[in-house]
């Protein structure tokens, strides 16, 4: 029977103090990134449910006098916009608030989130159409697969674009003062 070792007595993988120092410095950063990924997945999962429910509502409950492909495209576009807003609000409040880009005003963050999410949604729509029209996968399943595939792209782009570091504008440098010409 094995006994548990107290966490303070657990040996590190390396004895080199330089490497241990790097491990200590990186651990909080990695922990914060994992926490952001976890909350992003939870809120993204909820937004995906909103997306699929909106699409199903528009496809199967609300009558739209459109052909099958046009109805599917309309349902996809509306479902994507509703889910982008359902994704932005909690992610802005809880997931990305620690990043430097969270200092931007709300409407700028929302616009940048939309740009990133719409790019991802465009990829998801293309994938969904490909899966549904070419491979004949049922529309809801095709959309769910497309959302899952685009998830990594969206999370990465929110880090690189939406909430990236806010560039500080330098103060206007004073114009160089020209020395007065000496009158002789």
N, C-alpha and C. Protein backbone atom coordinates (compact mmCIF):
# COMPACT_ATOMS: atom_id res chain seq x y z
N UNK A 1 0.84 -1.18 0.00
CA UNK A 1 0.00 0.00 0.00
C UNK A 1 0.89 1.24 0.00
N UNK A 2 0.61 2.15 -0.96
CA UNK A 2 1.41 3.37 -1.07
C UNK A 2 0.83 4.45 -0.18
N UNK A 3 1.71 5.22 0.39
CA UNK A 3 1.26 6.37 1.17
C UNK A 3 1.45 7.62 0.33
N UNK A 4 0.64 8.58 0.59
CA UNK A 4 0.73 9.84 -0.16
C UNK A 4 1.87 10.68 0.38
N UNK A 5 2.55 11.33 -0.53
CA UNK A 5 3.64 12.22 -0.15
C UNK A 5 3.08 13.63 -0.01
N UNK A 6 3.49 14.30 1.03
CA UNK A 6 3.05 15.68 1.23
C UNK A 6 3.57 16.52 0.07
N UNK A 7 2.76 17.47 -0.46
CA UNK A 7 3.18 18.26 -1.62
C UNK A 7 4.51 18.99 -1.43
N UNK A 8 4.84 19.37 -0.20
CA UNK A 8 6.11 20.08 0.01
C UNK A 8 7.30 19.14 -0.12
N UNK A 9 7.07 17.85 -0.10
CA UNK A 9 8.18 16.89 -0.20
C UNK A 9 8.30 16.27 -1.58
N UNK A 10 7.45 16.71 -2.51
CA UNK A 10 7.52 16.18 -3.87
C UNK A 10 8.75 16.77 -4.54
N UNK A 11 9.55 15.90 -5.14
CA UNK A 11 10.75 16.36 -5.83
C UNK A 11 10.39 16.92 -7.19
N UNK A 12 11.14 17.90 -7.59
CA UNK A 12 10.95 18.46 -8.92
C UNK A 12 11.64 17.55 -9.92
N UNK A 13 11.30 17.74 -11.18
CA UNK A 13 11.86 16.89 -12.20
C UNK A 13 13.33 17.17 -12.45
N UNK A 14 13.79 18.34 -12.08
CA UNK A 14 15.18 18.68 -12.33
C UNK A 14 15.81 19.26 -11.08
N UNK A 15 17.10 19.06 -10.95
CA UNK A 15 17.82 19.61 -9.80
C UNK A 15 18.50 20.92 -10.15
N UNK A 16 18.53 21.28 -11.41
CA UNK A 16 19.19 22.50 -11.84
C UNK A 16 18.39 23.71 -11.35
N UNK A 17 18.98 24.56 -10.51
CA UNK A 17 18.22 25.69 -9.96
C UNK A 17 17.76 26.69 -11.03
N UNK A 18 18.50 26.82 -12.13
CA UNK A 18 18.07 27.74 -13.19
C UNK A 18 16.76 27.26 -13.82
N UNK A 19 16.66 25.96 -14.04
CA UNK A 19 15.44 25.40 -14.63
C UNK A 19 14.29 25.48 -13.64
N UNK A 20 14.56 25.22 -12.37
CA UNK A 20 13.51 25.33 -11.36
C UNK A 20 12.98 26.75 -11.29
N UNK A 21 13.84 27.73 -11.44
CA UNK A 21 13.41 29.12 -11.42
C UNK A 21 12.49 29.43 -12.59
N UNK A 22 12.80 28.89 -13.76
CA UNK A 22 11.94 29.08 -14.93
C UNK A 22 10.59 28.41 -14.69
N UNK A 23 10.62 27.21 -14.11
CA UNK A 23 9.36 26.51 -13.83
C UNK A 23 8.50 27.34 -12.87
N UNK A 24 9.11 27.92 -11.87
CA UNK A 24 8.36 28.72 -10.91
C UNK A 24 7.77 29.96 -11.56
N UNK A 25 8.52 30.57 -12.47
CA UNK A 25 8.02 31.78 -13.12
C UNK A 25 6.91 31.48 -14.11
N UNK A 26 6.96 30.34 -14.77
CA UNK A 26 5.97 30.02 -15.79
C UNK A 26 4.69 29.43 -15.22
N UNK A 27 4.74 28.84 -14.08
CA UNK A 27 3.58 28.15 -13.53
C UNK A 27 2.34 29.05 -13.40
N UNK A 28 2.44 30.24 -12.82
CA UNK A 28 1.24 31.08 -12.72
C UNK A 28 0.68 31.48 -14.09
N UNK A 29 1.58 31.72 -15.03
CA UNK A 29 1.14 32.09 -16.38
C UNK A 29 0.36 30.95 -17.03
N UNK A 30 0.90 29.74 -16.90
CA UNK A 30 0.21 28.59 -17.48
C UNK A 30 -1.10 28.33 -16.76
N UNK A 31 -1.11 28.51 -15.46
CA UNK A 31 -2.34 28.30 -14.69
C UNK A 31 -3.41 29.29 -15.13
N UNK A 32 -3.04 30.55 -15.34
CA UNK A 32 -4.00 31.56 -15.79
C UNK A 32 -4.52 31.22 -17.19
N UNK A 33 -3.64 30.76 -18.07
CA UNK A 33 -4.06 30.40 -19.43
C UNK A 33 -5.01 29.21 -19.40
N UNK A 34 -4.72 28.23 -18.56
CA UNK A 34 -5.62 27.08 -18.45
C UNK A 34 -6.98 27.48 -17.88
N UNK A 35 -6.97 28.40 -16.92
CA UNK A 35 -8.23 28.89 -16.36
C UNK A 35 -9.03 29.62 -17.43
N UNK A 36 -8.36 30.46 -18.23
CA UNK A 36 -9.06 31.16 -19.32
C UNK A 36 -9.62 30.16 -20.33
N UNK A 37 -8.84 29.15 -20.66
CA UNK A 37 -9.32 28.13 -21.61
C UNK A 37 -10.54 27.41 -21.04
N UNK A 38 -10.49 27.09 -19.77
CA UNK A 38 -11.63 26.40 -19.13
C UNK A 38 -12.90 27.23 -19.15
N UNK A 39 -12.80 28.49 -18.75
CA UNK A 39 -14.00 29.34 -18.76
C UNK A 39 -14.46 29.60 -20.20
N UNK A 40 -13.50 29.74 -21.13
CA UNK A 40 -13.85 29.95 -22.53
C UNK A 40 -14.62 28.74 -23.06
N UNK A 41 -14.18 27.54 -22.69
CA UNK A 41 -14.87 26.32 -23.12
C UNK A 41 -16.27 26.23 -22.54
N UNK A 42 -16.42 26.62 -21.27
CA UNK A 42 -17.75 26.57 -20.64
C UNK A 42 -18.69 27.56 -21.33
N UNK A 43 -18.25 28.82 -21.44
CA UNK A 43 -19.11 29.83 -22.07
C UNK A 43 -19.29 29.56 -23.56
N UNK A 44 -18.25 29.07 -24.21
CA UNK A 44 -18.36 28.71 -25.61
C UNK A 44 -19.31 27.54 -25.81
N UNK A 45 -19.29 26.59 -24.88
CA UNK A 45 -20.23 25.47 -24.95
C UNK A 45 -21.67 25.95 -24.79
N UNK A 46 -21.89 26.88 -23.87
CA UNK A 46 -23.23 27.44 -23.71
C UNK A 46 -23.65 28.21 -24.96
N UNK A 47 -22.72 28.97 -25.53
CA UNK A 47 -23.02 29.71 -26.76
C UNK A 47 -23.29 28.75 -27.92
N UNK A 48 -22.60 27.62 -27.95
CA UNK A 48 -22.84 26.63 -29.00
C UNK A 48 -24.25 26.04 -28.85
N UNK A 49 -24.68 25.82 -27.61
CA UNK A 49 -26.05 25.33 -27.38
C UNK A 49 -27.05 26.39 -27.85
N UNK A 50 -26.79 27.66 -27.54
CA UNK A 50 -27.65 28.75 -28.02
C UNK A 50 -27.68 28.76 -29.54
N UNK A 51 -26.50 28.59 -30.17
CA UNK A 51 -26.41 28.56 -31.62
C UNK A 51 -27.25 27.44 -32.20
N UNK A 52 -27.07 26.24 -31.68
CA UNK A 52 -27.80 25.09 -32.21
C UNK A 52 -29.30 25.19 -31.95
N UNK A 53 -29.68 25.71 -30.78
CA UNK A 53 -31.10 25.87 -30.47
C UNK A 53 -31.74 26.91 -31.38
N UNK A 54 -31.03 28.01 -31.62
CA UNK A 54 -31.56 29.05 -32.52
C UNK A 54 -31.69 28.51 -33.93
N UNK A 55 -30.68 27.78 -34.37
CA UNK A 55 -30.75 27.19 -35.72
C UNK A 55 -31.91 26.20 -35.82
N UNK A 56 -32.06 25.35 -34.83
CA UNK A 56 -33.15 24.36 -34.85
C UNK A 56 -34.51 25.06 -34.83
N UNK A 57 -34.62 26.11 -34.03
CA UNK A 57 -35.87 26.87 -33.96
C UNK A 57 -36.22 27.45 -35.33
N UNK A 58 -35.22 28.04 -35.98
CA UNK A 58 -35.47 28.66 -37.28
C UNK A 58 -35.68 27.63 -38.40
N UNK A 59 -35.08 26.47 -38.27
CA UNK A 59 -35.24 25.44 -39.30
C UNK A 59 -36.53 24.65 -39.16
N UNK A 60 -36.90 24.32 -37.91
CA UNK A 60 -37.96 23.35 -37.71
C UNK A 60 -39.22 23.89 -37.05
N UNK A 61 -39.18 25.07 -36.46
CA UNK A 61 -40.35 25.61 -35.77
C UNK A 61 -40.92 26.81 -36.51
N UNK A 62 -40.08 27.77 -36.84
CA UNK A 62 -40.52 28.98 -37.53
C UNK A 62 -40.60 28.69 -39.03
N UNK A 63 -41.73 29.06 -39.60
CA UNK A 63 -41.88 28.86 -41.05
C UNK A 63 -41.20 30.00 -41.79
N UNK A 64 -40.28 29.65 -42.66
CA UNK A 64 -39.60 30.62 -43.50
C UNK A 64 -39.86 30.23 -44.95
N UNK A 65 -40.50 31.12 -45.74
CA UNK A 65 -40.82 30.76 -47.13
C UNK A 65 -39.59 30.83 -48.04
N UNK A 66 -38.63 29.97 -47.76
CA UNK A 66 -37.38 29.93 -48.51
C UNK A 66 -37.11 28.49 -48.92
N UNK A 67 -36.23 28.32 -49.89
CA UNK A 67 -35.79 26.98 -50.25
C UNK A 67 -34.94 26.39 -49.13
N UNK A 68 -34.66 25.10 -49.21
CA UNK A 68 -33.92 24.43 -48.14
C UNK A 68 -32.55 25.06 -47.89
N UNK A 69 -31.78 25.31 -48.94
CA UNK A 69 -30.44 25.87 -48.78
C UNK A 69 -30.50 27.30 -48.26
N UNK A 70 -31.42 28.10 -48.76
CA UNK A 70 -31.55 29.49 -48.30
C UNK A 70 -32.01 29.53 -46.85
N UNK A 71 -32.96 28.67 -46.48
CA UNK A 71 -33.44 28.61 -45.09
C UNK A 71 -32.31 28.20 -44.16
N UNK A 72 -31.51 27.22 -44.59
CA UNK A 72 -30.38 26.77 -43.79
C UNK A 72 -29.36 27.90 -43.61
N UNK A 73 -29.07 28.64 -44.68
CA UNK A 73 -28.11 29.74 -44.60
C UNK A 73 -28.63 30.86 -43.69
N UNK A 74 -29.91 31.22 -43.84
CA UNK A 74 -30.50 32.25 -42.99
C UNK A 74 -30.46 31.83 -41.52
N UNK A 75 -30.83 30.58 -41.24
CA UNK A 75 -30.81 30.08 -39.86
C UNK A 75 -29.39 30.09 -39.30
N UNK A 76 -28.42 29.74 -40.12
CA UNK A 76 -27.02 29.76 -39.68
C UNK A 76 -26.57 31.18 -39.32
N UNK A 77 -26.89 32.14 -40.18
CA UNK A 77 -26.45 33.51 -39.94
C UNK A 77 -27.08 34.11 -38.68
N UNK A 78 -28.37 33.91 -38.51
CA UNK A 78 -29.04 34.43 -37.31
C UNK A 78 -28.51 33.71 -36.06
N UNK A 79 -28.38 32.41 -36.13
CA UNK A 79 -27.88 31.63 -34.99
C UNK A 79 -26.46 32.06 -34.62
N UNK A 80 -25.63 32.35 -35.62
CA UNK A 80 -24.26 32.79 -35.33
C UNK A 80 -24.24 34.14 -34.62
N UNK A 81 -25.05 35.09 -35.05
CA UNK A 81 -25.07 36.41 -34.41
C UNK A 81 -25.58 36.32 -32.97
N UNK A 82 -26.63 35.56 -32.76
CA UNK A 82 -27.17 35.40 -31.40
C UNK A 82 -26.12 34.74 -30.50
N UNK A 83 -25.44 33.72 -31.01
CA UNK A 83 -24.46 33.02 -30.17
C UNK A 83 -23.20 33.86 -29.96
N UNK A 84 -22.84 34.73 -30.90
CA UNK A 84 -21.69 35.61 -30.70
C UNK A 84 -21.96 36.53 -29.52
N UNK A 85 -23.15 37.11 -29.46
CA UNK A 85 -23.49 37.97 -28.32
C UNK A 85 -23.56 37.17 -27.02
N UNK A 86 -24.12 35.97 -27.10
CA UNK A 86 -24.20 35.11 -25.91
C UNK A 86 -22.81 34.67 -25.45
N UNK A 87 -21.85 34.65 -26.35
CA UNK A 87 -20.48 34.27 -26.03
C UNK A 87 -19.68 35.48 -25.54
N UNK A 88 -19.89 36.63 -26.15
CA UNK A 88 -19.11 37.82 -25.80
C UNK A 88 -19.36 38.28 -24.37
N UNK A 89 -20.59 38.38 -23.97
CA UNK A 89 -20.91 38.99 -22.68
C UNK A 89 -20.24 38.26 -21.51
N UNK A 90 -20.40 36.94 -21.34
CA UNK A 90 -19.72 36.31 -20.21
C UNK A 90 -18.20 36.20 -20.39
N UNK A 91 -17.73 35.98 -21.63
CA UNK A 91 -16.28 35.89 -21.82
C UNK A 91 -15.60 37.22 -21.55
N UNK A 92 -16.24 38.31 -21.95
CA UNK A 92 -15.67 39.63 -21.68
C UNK A 92 -15.62 39.89 -20.18
N UNK A 93 -16.65 39.47 -19.48
CA UNK A 93 -16.75 39.74 -18.04
C UNK A 93 -15.84 38.83 -17.21
N UNK A 94 -15.73 37.56 -17.58
CA UNK A 94 -15.03 36.61 -16.72
C UNK A 94 -13.74 36.04 -17.32
N UNK A 95 -13.72 35.71 -18.60
CA UNK A 95 -12.59 34.99 -19.18
C UNK A 95 -11.40 35.88 -19.49
N UNK A 96 -11.64 36.98 -20.16
CA UNK A 96 -10.54 37.80 -20.68
C UNK A 96 -10.33 39.09 -19.91
N UNK A 97 -10.97 39.29 -18.77
CA UNK A 97 -10.87 40.56 -18.06
C UNK A 97 -9.47 40.85 -17.54
N UNK A 98 -8.62 39.83 -17.37
CA UNK A 98 -7.26 40.05 -16.86
C UNK A 98 -6.30 40.49 -17.95
N UNK A 99 -6.67 40.33 -19.20
CA UNK A 99 -5.75 40.67 -20.29
C UNK A 99 -5.76 42.17 -20.54
N UNK A 100 -4.66 42.65 -21.10
CA UNK A 100 -4.49 44.09 -21.29
C UNK A 100 -5.58 44.70 -22.17
N UNK A 101 -6.06 43.96 -23.15
CA UNK A 101 -7.07 44.49 -24.06
C UNK A 101 -8.42 44.73 -23.41
N UNK A 102 -8.62 44.21 -22.21
CA UNK A 102 -9.88 44.42 -21.50
C UNK A 102 -10.03 45.87 -21.03
N UNK A 103 -8.97 46.66 -21.15
CA UNK A 103 -9.03 48.08 -20.77
C UNK A 103 -9.70 48.93 -21.84
N UNK A 104 -9.89 48.37 -23.02
CA UNK A 104 -10.56 49.12 -24.07
C UNK A 104 -12.02 49.37 -23.67
N UNK A 105 -12.64 50.34 -24.31
CA UNK A 105 -14.04 50.60 -24.02
C UNK A 105 -14.88 49.42 -24.51
N UNK A 106 -16.08 49.27 -23.92
CA UNK A 106 -16.91 48.10 -24.16
C UNK A 106 -17.22 47.90 -25.63
N UNK A 107 -17.63 48.95 -26.33
CA UNK A 107 -18.05 48.79 -27.73
C UNK A 107 -16.88 48.40 -28.62
N UNK A 108 -15.66 48.83 -28.29
CA UNK A 108 -14.48 48.43 -29.08
C UNK A 108 -14.20 46.95 -28.85
N UNK A 109 -14.28 46.51 -27.61
CA UNK A 109 -14.08 45.08 -27.32
C UNK A 109 -15.15 44.25 -28.03
N UNK A 110 -16.39 44.72 -28.00
CA UNK A 110 -17.48 44.00 -28.66
C UNK A 110 -17.25 43.94 -30.17
N UNK A 111 -16.82 45.04 -30.75
CA UNK A 111 -16.54 45.06 -32.19
C UNK A 111 -15.39 44.12 -32.54
N UNK A 112 -14.31 44.16 -31.76
CA UNK A 112 -13.18 43.29 -32.03
C UNK A 112 -13.56 41.82 -31.82
N UNK A 113 -14.37 41.54 -30.80
CA UNK A 113 -14.85 40.19 -30.56
C UNK A 113 -15.69 39.73 -31.75
N UNK A 114 -16.54 40.61 -32.25
CA UNK A 114 -17.36 40.28 -33.41
C UNK A 114 -16.50 40.00 -34.64
N UNK A 115 -15.47 40.81 -34.86
CA UNK A 115 -14.62 40.58 -36.03
C UNK A 115 -13.97 39.20 -35.96
N UNK A 116 -13.45 38.86 -34.79
CA UNK A 116 -12.83 37.55 -34.61
C UNK A 116 -13.88 36.45 -34.74
N UNK A 117 -15.00 36.63 -34.05
CA UNK A 117 -16.03 35.59 -34.06
C UNK A 117 -16.67 35.44 -35.44
N UNK A 118 -16.84 36.55 -36.16
CA UNK A 118 -17.41 36.45 -37.50
C UNK A 118 -16.46 35.73 -38.46
N UNK A 119 -15.17 35.95 -38.28
CA UNK A 119 -14.21 35.20 -39.09
C UNK A 119 -14.33 33.71 -38.79
N UNK A 120 -14.37 33.38 -37.50
CA UNK A 120 -14.58 31.98 -37.11
C UNK A 120 -15.92 31.45 -37.57
N UNK A 121 -16.96 32.29 -37.48
CA UNK A 121 -18.29 31.87 -37.92
C UNK A 121 -18.31 31.65 -39.43
N UNK A 122 -17.58 32.50 -40.15
CA UNK A 122 -17.48 32.30 -41.60
C UNK A 122 -16.85 30.95 -41.93
N UNK A 123 -15.79 30.63 -41.20
CA UNK A 123 -15.16 29.32 -41.38
C UNK A 123 -16.14 28.20 -41.02
N UNK A 124 -16.88 28.40 -39.92
CA UNK A 124 -17.84 27.39 -39.48
C UNK A 124 -18.96 27.22 -40.50
N UNK A 125 -19.44 28.34 -41.07
CA UNK A 125 -20.50 28.26 -42.08
C UNK A 125 -19.99 27.51 -43.31
N UNK A 126 -18.78 27.83 -43.75
CA UNK A 126 -18.21 27.12 -44.90
C UNK A 126 -18.08 25.62 -44.61
N UNK A 127 -17.60 25.30 -43.41
CA UNK A 127 -17.48 23.89 -43.04
C UNK A 127 -18.85 23.22 -42.97
N UNK A 128 -19.84 23.93 -42.40
CA UNK A 128 -21.17 23.36 -42.27
C UNK A 128 -21.78 23.11 -43.64
N UNK A 129 -21.63 24.08 -44.54
CA UNK A 129 -22.17 23.90 -45.89
C UNK A 129 -21.46 22.74 -46.60
N UNK A 130 -20.15 22.68 -46.43
CA UNK A 130 -19.40 21.57 -47.03
C UNK A 130 -19.88 20.23 -46.49
N UNK A 131 -20.01 20.15 -45.17
CA UNK A 131 -20.46 18.89 -44.56
C UNK A 131 -21.89 18.54 -44.97
N UNK A 132 -22.76 19.57 -45.02
CA UNK A 132 -24.18 19.29 -45.33
C UNK A 132 -24.42 19.07 -46.81
N UNK A 133 -23.92 19.97 -47.64
CA UNK A 133 -24.22 19.91 -49.07
C UNK A 133 -23.40 18.85 -49.81
N UNK A 134 -22.14 18.69 -49.42
CA UNK A 134 -21.27 17.76 -50.14
C UNK A 134 -21.30 16.36 -49.51
N UNK A 135 -21.12 16.32 -48.20
CA UNK A 135 -21.05 15.02 -47.52
C UNK A 135 -22.41 14.54 -47.00
N UNK A 136 -23.45 15.36 -47.17
CA UNK A 136 -24.82 15.02 -46.78
C UNK A 136 -25.00 14.71 -45.30
N UNK A 137 -24.26 15.42 -44.46
CA UNK A 137 -24.43 15.30 -43.01
C UNK A 137 -25.64 16.15 -42.64
N UNK A 138 -26.45 15.68 -41.69
CA UNK A 138 -27.62 16.42 -41.25
C UNK A 138 -27.20 17.82 -40.79
N UNK A 139 -27.99 18.89 -41.07
CA UNK A 139 -27.56 20.27 -40.80
C UNK A 139 -27.12 20.55 -39.36
N UNK A 140 -27.86 20.08 -38.38
CA UNK A 140 -27.52 20.36 -36.98
C UNK A 140 -26.20 19.68 -36.62
N UNK A 141 -26.01 18.43 -37.01
CA UNK A 141 -24.76 17.72 -36.74
C UNK A 141 -23.60 18.37 -37.48
N UNK A 142 -23.83 18.79 -38.71
CA UNK A 142 -22.78 19.46 -39.49
C UNK A 142 -22.36 20.77 -38.81
N UNK A 143 -23.34 21.51 -38.29
CA UNK A 143 -23.03 22.76 -37.59
C UNK A 143 -22.27 22.48 -36.30
N UNK A 144 -22.67 21.47 -35.55
CA UNK A 144 -21.97 21.12 -34.31
C UNK A 144 -20.52 20.73 -34.59
N UNK A 145 -20.29 19.96 -35.63
CA UNK A 145 -18.92 19.58 -35.99
C UNK A 145 -18.10 20.81 -36.41
N UNK A 146 -18.71 21.70 -37.18
CA UNK A 146 -18.00 22.91 -37.62
C UNK A 146 -17.64 23.79 -36.44
N UNK A 147 -18.55 23.94 -35.48
CA UNK A 147 -18.28 24.74 -34.28
C UNK A 147 -17.11 24.15 -33.51
N UNK A 148 -17.09 22.84 -33.35
CA UNK A 148 -16.00 22.19 -32.61
C UNK A 148 -14.66 22.38 -33.31
N UNK A 149 -14.67 22.34 -34.63
CA UNK A 149 -13.41 22.49 -35.38
C UNK A 149 -12.87 23.92 -35.26
N UNK A 150 -13.76 24.90 -35.26
CA UNK A 150 -13.35 26.32 -35.26
C UNK A 150 -13.03 26.83 -33.85
N UNK A 151 -13.33 26.07 -32.83
CA UNK A 151 -13.12 26.50 -31.45
C UNK A 151 -11.68 26.95 -31.18
N UNK A 152 -10.71 26.17 -31.56
CA UNK A 152 -9.30 26.52 -31.32
C UNK A 152 -8.89 27.79 -32.04
N UNK A 153 -9.38 27.96 -33.26
CA UNK A 153 -9.09 29.18 -34.02
C UNK A 153 -9.61 30.41 -33.27
N UNK A 154 -10.86 30.34 -32.80
CA UNK A 154 -11.45 31.49 -32.11
C UNK A 154 -10.70 31.84 -30.83
N UNK A 155 -10.38 30.84 -30.01
CA UNK A 155 -9.68 31.12 -28.75
C UNK A 155 -8.33 31.78 -29.02
N UNK A 156 -7.61 31.26 -29.98
CA UNK A 156 -6.30 31.82 -30.33
C UNK A 156 -6.44 33.25 -30.84
N UNK A 157 -7.39 33.50 -31.69
CA UNK A 157 -7.55 34.84 -32.25
C UNK A 157 -8.03 35.84 -31.21
N UNK A 158 -8.80 35.40 -30.24
CA UNK A 158 -9.19 36.33 -29.17
C UNK A 158 -7.97 36.75 -28.36
N UNK A 159 -7.03 35.84 -28.19
CA UNK A 159 -5.79 36.20 -27.49
C UNK A 159 -4.91 37.11 -28.35
N UNK A 160 -4.80 36.80 -29.63
CA UNK A 160 -3.88 37.55 -30.49
C UNK A 160 -4.45 38.87 -31.00
N UNK A 161 -5.77 38.97 -31.11
CA UNK A 161 -6.35 40.18 -31.69
C UNK A 161 -7.31 40.90 -30.74
N UNK A 162 -8.34 40.21 -30.28
CA UNK A 162 -9.40 40.88 -29.53
C UNK A 162 -8.90 41.50 -28.24
N UNK A 163 -8.15 40.75 -27.46
CA UNK A 163 -7.71 41.22 -26.13
C UNK A 163 -6.21 41.37 -26.04
N UNK A 164 -5.55 41.60 -27.16
CA UNK A 164 -4.10 41.77 -27.11
C UNK A 164 -3.75 43.05 -26.39
N UNK A 165 -2.48 43.21 -26.14
CA UNK A 165 -1.97 44.38 -25.42
C UNK A 165 -2.42 45.67 -26.09
N UNK A 166 -2.81 46.61 -25.27
CA UNK A 166 -3.21 47.92 -25.77
C UNK A 166 -1.96 48.77 -25.88
N UNK A 167 -1.71 49.25 -27.07
CA UNK A 167 -0.53 50.09 -27.28
C UNK A 167 -0.74 51.43 -26.61
N UNK A 168 0.22 51.81 -25.84
CA UNK A 168 0.17 53.12 -25.18
C UNK A 168 0.58 54.17 -26.19
N UNK A 169 -0.20 55.21 -26.28
CA UNK A 169 0.16 56.29 -27.19
C UNK A 169 1.16 57.18 -26.51
N UNK A 170 2.27 57.44 -27.19
CA UNK A 170 3.25 58.31 -26.57
C UNK A 170 2.71 59.74 -26.49
N UNK A 171 3.14 60.41 -25.45
CA UNK A 171 2.75 61.81 -25.31
C UNK A 171 3.34 62.57 -26.49
N UNK A 172 2.64 63.59 -26.89
CA UNK A 172 3.15 64.37 -28.01
C UNK A 172 4.47 64.99 -27.61
N UNK A 173 5.51 64.64 -28.34
CA UNK A 173 6.79 65.22 -27.98
C UNK A 173 6.76 66.72 -28.26
N UNK A 174 7.40 67.42 -27.39
CA UNK A 174 7.47 68.88 -27.57
C UNK A 174 8.27 69.17 -28.82
N UNK A 175 7.81 70.15 -29.53
CA UNK A 175 8.56 70.52 -30.72
C UNK A 175 9.90 71.08 -30.28
N UNK A 176 10.91 70.70 -31.05
CA UNK A 176 12.22 71.22 -30.67
C UNK A 176 12.23 72.75 -30.76
N UNK A 177 12.77 73.31 -29.74
CA UNK A 177 12.85 74.77 -29.69
C UNK A 177 14.09 75.19 -30.44
N UNK A 178 13.87 76.05 -31.41
CA UNK A 178 15.02 76.53 -32.15
C UNK A 178 15.62 77.70 -31.40
N UNK A 179 16.90 77.66 -31.28
CA UNK A 179 17.53 78.77 -30.56
C UNK A 179 17.35 80.07 -31.35
N UNK A 180 17.11 81.13 -30.62
CA UNK A 180 16.95 82.42 -31.29
C UNK A 180 18.28 82.83 -31.90
N UNK A 181 18.20 83.34 -33.08
CA UNK A 181 19.43 83.79 -33.72
C UNK A 181 19.93 85.04 -33.03
N UNK A 182 21.16 85.06 -32.76
CA UNK A 182 21.75 86.22 -32.10
C UNK A 182 21.84 87.36 -33.10
N UNK A 183 21.34 88.52 -32.69
CA UNK A 183 21.43 89.67 -33.56
C UNK A 183 22.71 90.40 -33.29
N UNK A 184 23.39 90.64 -34.31
CA UNK A 184 24.62 91.39 -34.09
C UNK A 184 24.59 92.69 -34.81
